[in-house]
Amino acid sequence: MHADKRRFATIIFTALLCFQFASAHDIITTPVTWSREISRIVYAKCASCHRPKGSAFSLLTYKDARPWAVAIREATLQRQMPPWGAVKGFGDFRNDQALTPEQLELIVSWTEGGVPEGDAKDMPAVPKLAPTASSRKLPGEILLTADLRLTRAFTLDGLWPQIVPSKADIKITAELPEGRIEPLLWIQDYSVAFGHPFLLRRPLRLAAGTVIRGVPTGAKIRLLPAQAKRAAR
């Protein structure tokens, strides 16, 4: 009886060793590598937060990213990361961090194909990262807490939600005096914990009399003036 128990324990121990060995030596089934494709996605879309001394753990090197491979795949497929929080196509933003379908396919192929590192010569240069966007009030900005009619002309560089009701679906537009409607920002699944500005691709001139609509009770959203855009990045 004791011999049987020892034999069973030996089998289990051996199986665990084999599992650990296999896990440490992934079978590579994809041509997608960290050095060539994935690092470029991370540098372009994730590094602003995921870096040394950033707001989240670093993903700048293969050694940093490798333990998080499965978490990266799940978070990106569920559109939890990068935490953009706006509906694409409603407004045009120069700092749009949302991943494209092609980028998502590359991440899935990499994580499910053995997470290969690739050749060091294929690595891009580490990006020069700008300081984290400042949350300080900018000269000339407007704080929206409800729909608002502008009493003066305003050149809009972007919007920065500061307070958003839980599970809010907020669609903000600008109705110009001649009746034209400009889409500004449509927020869904936005988290203030990962708060950031939505910076327009081109500054938008809003004439006096323009009405900003769609701001619900309890929300606070900053309208960033174009002349202060560098400070808002």
Protein backbone atom coordinates (compact mmCIF):
# COMPACT_ATOMS: atom_id res chain seq x y z
CA MET A 1 0.00 0.00 0.00
CA HIS A 2 2.76 2.40 0.96
CA ALA A 3 4.67 1.41 -2.17
CA ASP A 4 1.63 2.26 -4.27
CA LYS A 5 1.37 5.68 -2.62
CA ARG A 6 5.06 6.34 -3.23
CA ARG A 7 4.69 5.26 -6.87
CA PHE A 8 1.67 7.55 -7.31
CA ALA A 9 3.53 10.47 -5.72
CA THR A 10 6.49 9.86 -8.02
CA ILE A 11 4.23 9.91 -11.08
CA ILE A 12 2.59 13.18 -9.98
CA PHE A 13 5.97 14.79 -9.22
CA THR A 14 7.35 13.73 -12.60
CA ALA A 15 4.27 15.09 -14.36
CA LEU A 16 4.66 18.44 -12.62
CA LEU A 17 8.30 18.64 -13.63
CA CYS A 18 7.39 17.90 -17.24
CA PHE A 19 4.67 20.57 -17.14
CA GLN A 20 7.09 23.16 -15.77
CA PHE A 21 9.69 22.25 -18.38
CA ALA A 22 7.16 22.51 -21.20
CA SER A 23 5.89 25.85 -19.90
CA ALA A 24 9.42 27.23 -19.81
CA HIS A 25 10.09 26.09 -23.39
CA ASP A 26 7.10 27.23 -25.43
CA ILE A 27 6.53 25.64 -28.83
CA ILE A 28 6.78 28.45 -31.39
CA THR A 29 4.01 28.33 -34.01
CA THR A 30 3.88 31.97 -35.14
CA PRO A 31 6.13 34.26 -37.18
CA VAL A 32 5.05 37.21 -35.02
CA THR A 33 7.75 38.25 -32.55
CA TRP A 34 8.24 40.72 -29.75
CA SER A 35 11.20 42.35 -31.50
CA ARG A 36 9.50 42.94 -34.85
CA GLU A 37 5.76 43.50 -34.28
CA ILE A 38 4.64 43.44 -30.64
CA SER A 39 7.21 45.88 -29.25
CA ARG A 40 6.09 48.45 -31.83
CA ILE A 41 2.47 48.10 -30.74
CA VAL A 42 3.43 48.42 -27.07
CA TYR A 43 5.66 51.43 -27.72
CA ALA A 44 2.94 53.21 -29.72
CA LYS A 45 -0.12 52.33 -27.62
CA CYS A 46 0.92 51.27 -24.12
CA ALA A 47 4.26 52.83 -23.17
CA SER A 48 2.81 56.17 -22.11
CA CYS A 49 1.55 54.41 -18.94
CA HIS A 50 3.46 51.09 -18.91
CA ARG A 51 7.00 52.36 -18.36
CA PRO A 52 9.45 52.86 -15.51
CA LYS A 53 8.00 55.47 -13.14
CA GLY A 54 4.78 55.45 -15.19
CA SER A 55 1.25 54.94 -13.88
CA ALA A 56 1.45 51.14 -14.44
CA PHE A 57 4.05 48.36 -14.50
CA SER A 58 6.62 48.56 -17.29
CA LEU A 59 6.21 46.69 -20.58
CA LEU A 60 9.17 48.23 -22.40
CA THR A 61 11.25 45.05 -22.67
CA TYR A 62 10.55 41.42 -23.55
CA LYS A 63 11.58 40.45 -20.01
CA ASP A 64 9.00 42.91 -18.65
CA ALA A 65 6.20 41.84 -20.99
CA ARG A 66 6.66 38.06 -21.15
CA PRO A 67 5.00 37.26 -17.76
CA TRP A 68 2.00 39.40 -18.72
CA ALA A 69 1.41 37.87 -22.16
CA VAL A 70 -1.91 36.17 -21.37
CA ALA A 71 -3.16 39.19 -19.41
CA ILE A 72 -2.22 41.46 -22.34
CA ARG A 73 -4.21 39.28 -24.75
CA GLU A 74 -7.31 39.18 -22.53
CA ALA A 75 -7.28 42.87 -21.65
CA THR A 76 -6.83 43.99 -25.26
CA LEU A 77 -9.46 41.61 -26.67
CA GLN A 78 -11.97 42.87 -24.10
CA ARG A 79 -11.01 46.44 -25.01
CA GLN A 80 -10.05 47.13 -21.41
CA MET A 81 -6.56 48.14 -22.52
CA PRO A 82 -5.41 50.55 -23.73
CA PRO A 83 -8.05 52.38 -21.68
CA TRP A 84 -9.41 54.70 -24.37
CA GLY A 85 -13.09 54.82 -23.40
CA ALA A 86 -14.56 56.54 -26.46
CA VAL A 87 -16.50 55.34 -29.49
CA LYS A 88 -14.33 55.37 -32.60
CA GLY A 89 -15.57 57.51 -35.47
CA PHE A 90 -17.39 60.03 -33.29
CA GLY A 91 -14.87 62.85 -33.20
CA ASP A 92 -11.32 62.62 -34.58
CA PHE A 93 -8.47 62.48 -32.07
CA ARG A 94 -4.73 62.71 -32.60
CA ASN A 95 -3.95 60.76 -29.43
CA ASP A 96 -6.32 57.83 -30.13
CA GLN A 97 -4.80 54.83 -28.30
CA ALA A 98 -7.38 52.22 -29.35
CA LEU A 99 -5.92 49.15 -31.06
CA THR A 100 -6.82 48.32 -34.65
CA PRO A 101 -8.21 44.86 -35.57
CA GLU A 102 -4.88 44.11 -37.27
CA GLN A 103 -2.96 44.92 -34.08
CA LEU A 104 -5.28 42.70 -32.04
CA GLU A 105 -4.67 39.82 -34.48
CA LEU A 106 -0.91 40.20 -34.05
CA ILE A 107 -1.21 40.11 -30.25
CA VAL A 108 -3.38 36.97 -30.36
CA SER A 109 -1.02 35.25 -32.80
CA TRP A 110 1.98 36.10 -30.61
CA THR A 111 0.46 34.98 -27.31
CA GLU A 112 -1.06 31.79 -28.70
CA GLY A 113 1.99 30.96 -30.82
CA GLY A 114 4.58 30.60 -28.07
CA VAL A 115 5.39 34.26 -27.29
CA PRO A 116 8.66 34.36 -29.29
CA GLU A 117 11.16 37.10 -28.57
CA GLY A 118 12.70 37.35 -32.03
CA ASP A 119 15.95 38.92 -33.15
CA ALA A 120 17.39 41.88 -31.26
CA LYS A 121 18.32 43.60 -34.52
CA ASP A 122 14.61 43.98 -35.30
CA MET A 123 13.90 46.02 -32.16
CA PRO A 124 12.77 49.63 -32.65
CA ALA A 125 14.32 52.44 -30.66
CA VAL A 126 12.82 52.96 -27.22
CA PRO A 127 10.38 55.87 -27.63
CA LYS A 128 11.04 59.27 -26.15
CA LEU A 129 8.04 59.52 -23.89
CA ALA A 130 6.40 62.82 -23.07
CA PRO A 131 5.61 63.63 -19.43
CA THR A 132 2.26 62.38 -18.15
CA ALA A 133 -0.51 64.80 -19.10
CA SER A 134 -1.00 67.50 -16.54
CA SER A 135 -4.30 67.65 -14.68
CA ARG A 136 -3.78 71.27 -13.66
CA LYS A 137 -6.24 73.88 -14.85
CA LEU A 138 -5.22 75.56 -18.11
CA PRO A 139 -5.66 79.28 -18.81
CA GLY A 140 -8.85 79.87 -20.75
CA GLU A 141 -10.33 76.39 -20.34
CA ILE A 142 -14.06 75.89 -19.73
CA LEU A 143 -15.48 73.43 -17.20
CA LEU A 144 -18.74 71.83 -18.32
CA THR A 145 -21.17 70.62 -15.67
CA ALA A 146 -24.26 70.89 -17.89
CA ASP A 147 -25.19 71.93 -21.42
CA LEU A 148 -23.70 75.34 -22.15
CA ARG A 149 -24.10 78.19 -24.66
CA LEU A 150 -20.77 79.87 -25.37
CA THR A 151 -20.78 83.62 -24.79
CA ARG A 152 -17.50 84.06 -26.65
CA ALA A 153 -15.67 82.35 -29.48
CA PHE A 154 -13.56 79.40 -28.38
CA THR A 155 -10.99 77.33 -30.27
CA LEU A 156 -11.27 73.80 -28.92
CA ASP A 157 -8.20 71.59 -28.76
CA GLY A 158 -9.75 68.71 -26.81
CA LEU A 159 -11.95 67.47 -24.00
CA TRP A 160 -10.89 65.96 -20.69
CA PRO A 161 -13.58 64.19 -18.60
CA GLN A 162 -12.84 64.71 -14.92
CA ILE A 163 -15.96 63.19 -13.36
CA VAL A 164 -18.18 60.71 -15.21
CA PRO A 165 -21.20 58.94 -13.68
CA SER A 166 -20.85 55.18 -13.33
CA LYS A 167 -21.61 53.24 -16.56
CA ALA A 168 -22.33 56.52 -18.31
CA ASP A 169 -23.03 56.70 -22.04
CA ILE A 170 -22.28 60.33 -22.87
CA LYS A 171 -22.49 61.81 -26.37
CA ILE A 172 -21.25 65.41 -26.52
CA THR A 173 -21.91 67.60 -29.55
CA ALA A 174 -21.53 71.24 -30.51
CA GLU A 175 -24.45 72.97 -32.26
CA LEU A 176 -23.06 75.95 -34.12
CA PRO A 177 -25.13 79.17 -34.56
CA GLU A 178 -25.93 78.31 -38.21
CA GLY A 179 -27.38 74.97 -37.06
CA ARG A 180 -24.52 72.63 -38.04
CA ILE A 181 -23.80 69.84 -35.55
CA GLU A 182 -20.19 68.90 -34.78
CA PRO A 183 -19.59 65.54 -32.99
CA LEU A 184 -17.13 66.09 -30.15
CA LEU A 185 -16.90 63.01 -27.93
CA TRP A 186 -18.91 59.84 -27.23
CA ILE A 187 -17.87 58.19 -23.96
CA GLN A 188 -18.56 54.54 -23.16
CA ASP A 189 -16.80 52.47 -20.48
CA TYR A 190 -14.56 55.41 -19.59
CA SER A 191 -12.71 55.11 -16.30
CA VAL A 192 -11.50 58.22 -14.52
CA ALA A 193 -8.87 55.98 -12.89
CA PHE A 194 -7.18 55.97 -16.30
CA GLY A 195 -8.30 59.50 -17.09
CA HIS A 196 -6.77 61.30 -20.06
CA PRO A 197 -7.55 64.10 -22.50
CA PHE A 198 -9.13 63.47 -25.90
CA LEU A 199 -7.13 65.77 -28.16
CA LEU A 200 -8.66 66.73 -31.50
CA ARG A 201 -6.74 66.03 -34.68
CA ARG A 202 -7.38 69.65 -35.68
CA PRO A 203 -8.45 72.51 -33.41
CA LEU A 204 -12.14 73.34 -33.83
CA ARG A 205 -13.31 76.96 -33.96
CA LEU A 206 -16.57 77.39 -32.04
CA ALA A 207 -18.31 80.74 -32.57
CA ALA A 208 -20.07 82.65 -29.81
CA GLY A 209 -23.58 81.23 -29.46
CA THR A 210 -22.47 77.62 -30.01
CA VAL A 211 -24.33 75.22 -27.70
CA ILE A 212 -22.46 72.29 -26.15
CA ARG A 213 -24.96 69.49 -25.53
CA GLY A 214 -24.94 66.06 -23.89
CA VAL A 215 -23.33 66.74 -20.50
CA PRO A 216 -25.33 64.81 -17.88
CA THR A 217 -25.97 65.76 -14.28
CA GLY A 218 -22.99 64.93 -12.09
CA ALA A 219 -20.40 65.06 -14.89
CA LYS A 220 -17.47 67.46 -15.12
CA ILE A 221 -15.74 67.80 -18.46
CA ARG A 222 -12.99 70.28 -19.31
CA LEU A 223 -12.89 72.00 -22.70
CA LEU A 224 -9.21 72.54 -23.47
CA PRO A 225 -8.26 75.68 -25.41
CA ALA A 226 -6.04 75.29 -28.48
CA GLN A 227 -3.48 77.84 -27.37
CA ALA A 228 -2.66 75.65 -24.36
CA LYS A 229 -2.45 72.34 -26.25
CA ARG A 230 1.20 71.67 -25.46
CA ALA A 231 0.51 71.84 -21.73
CA ALA A 232 -2.44 69.48 -22.14
CA ARG A 233 -0.48 66.63 -23.78
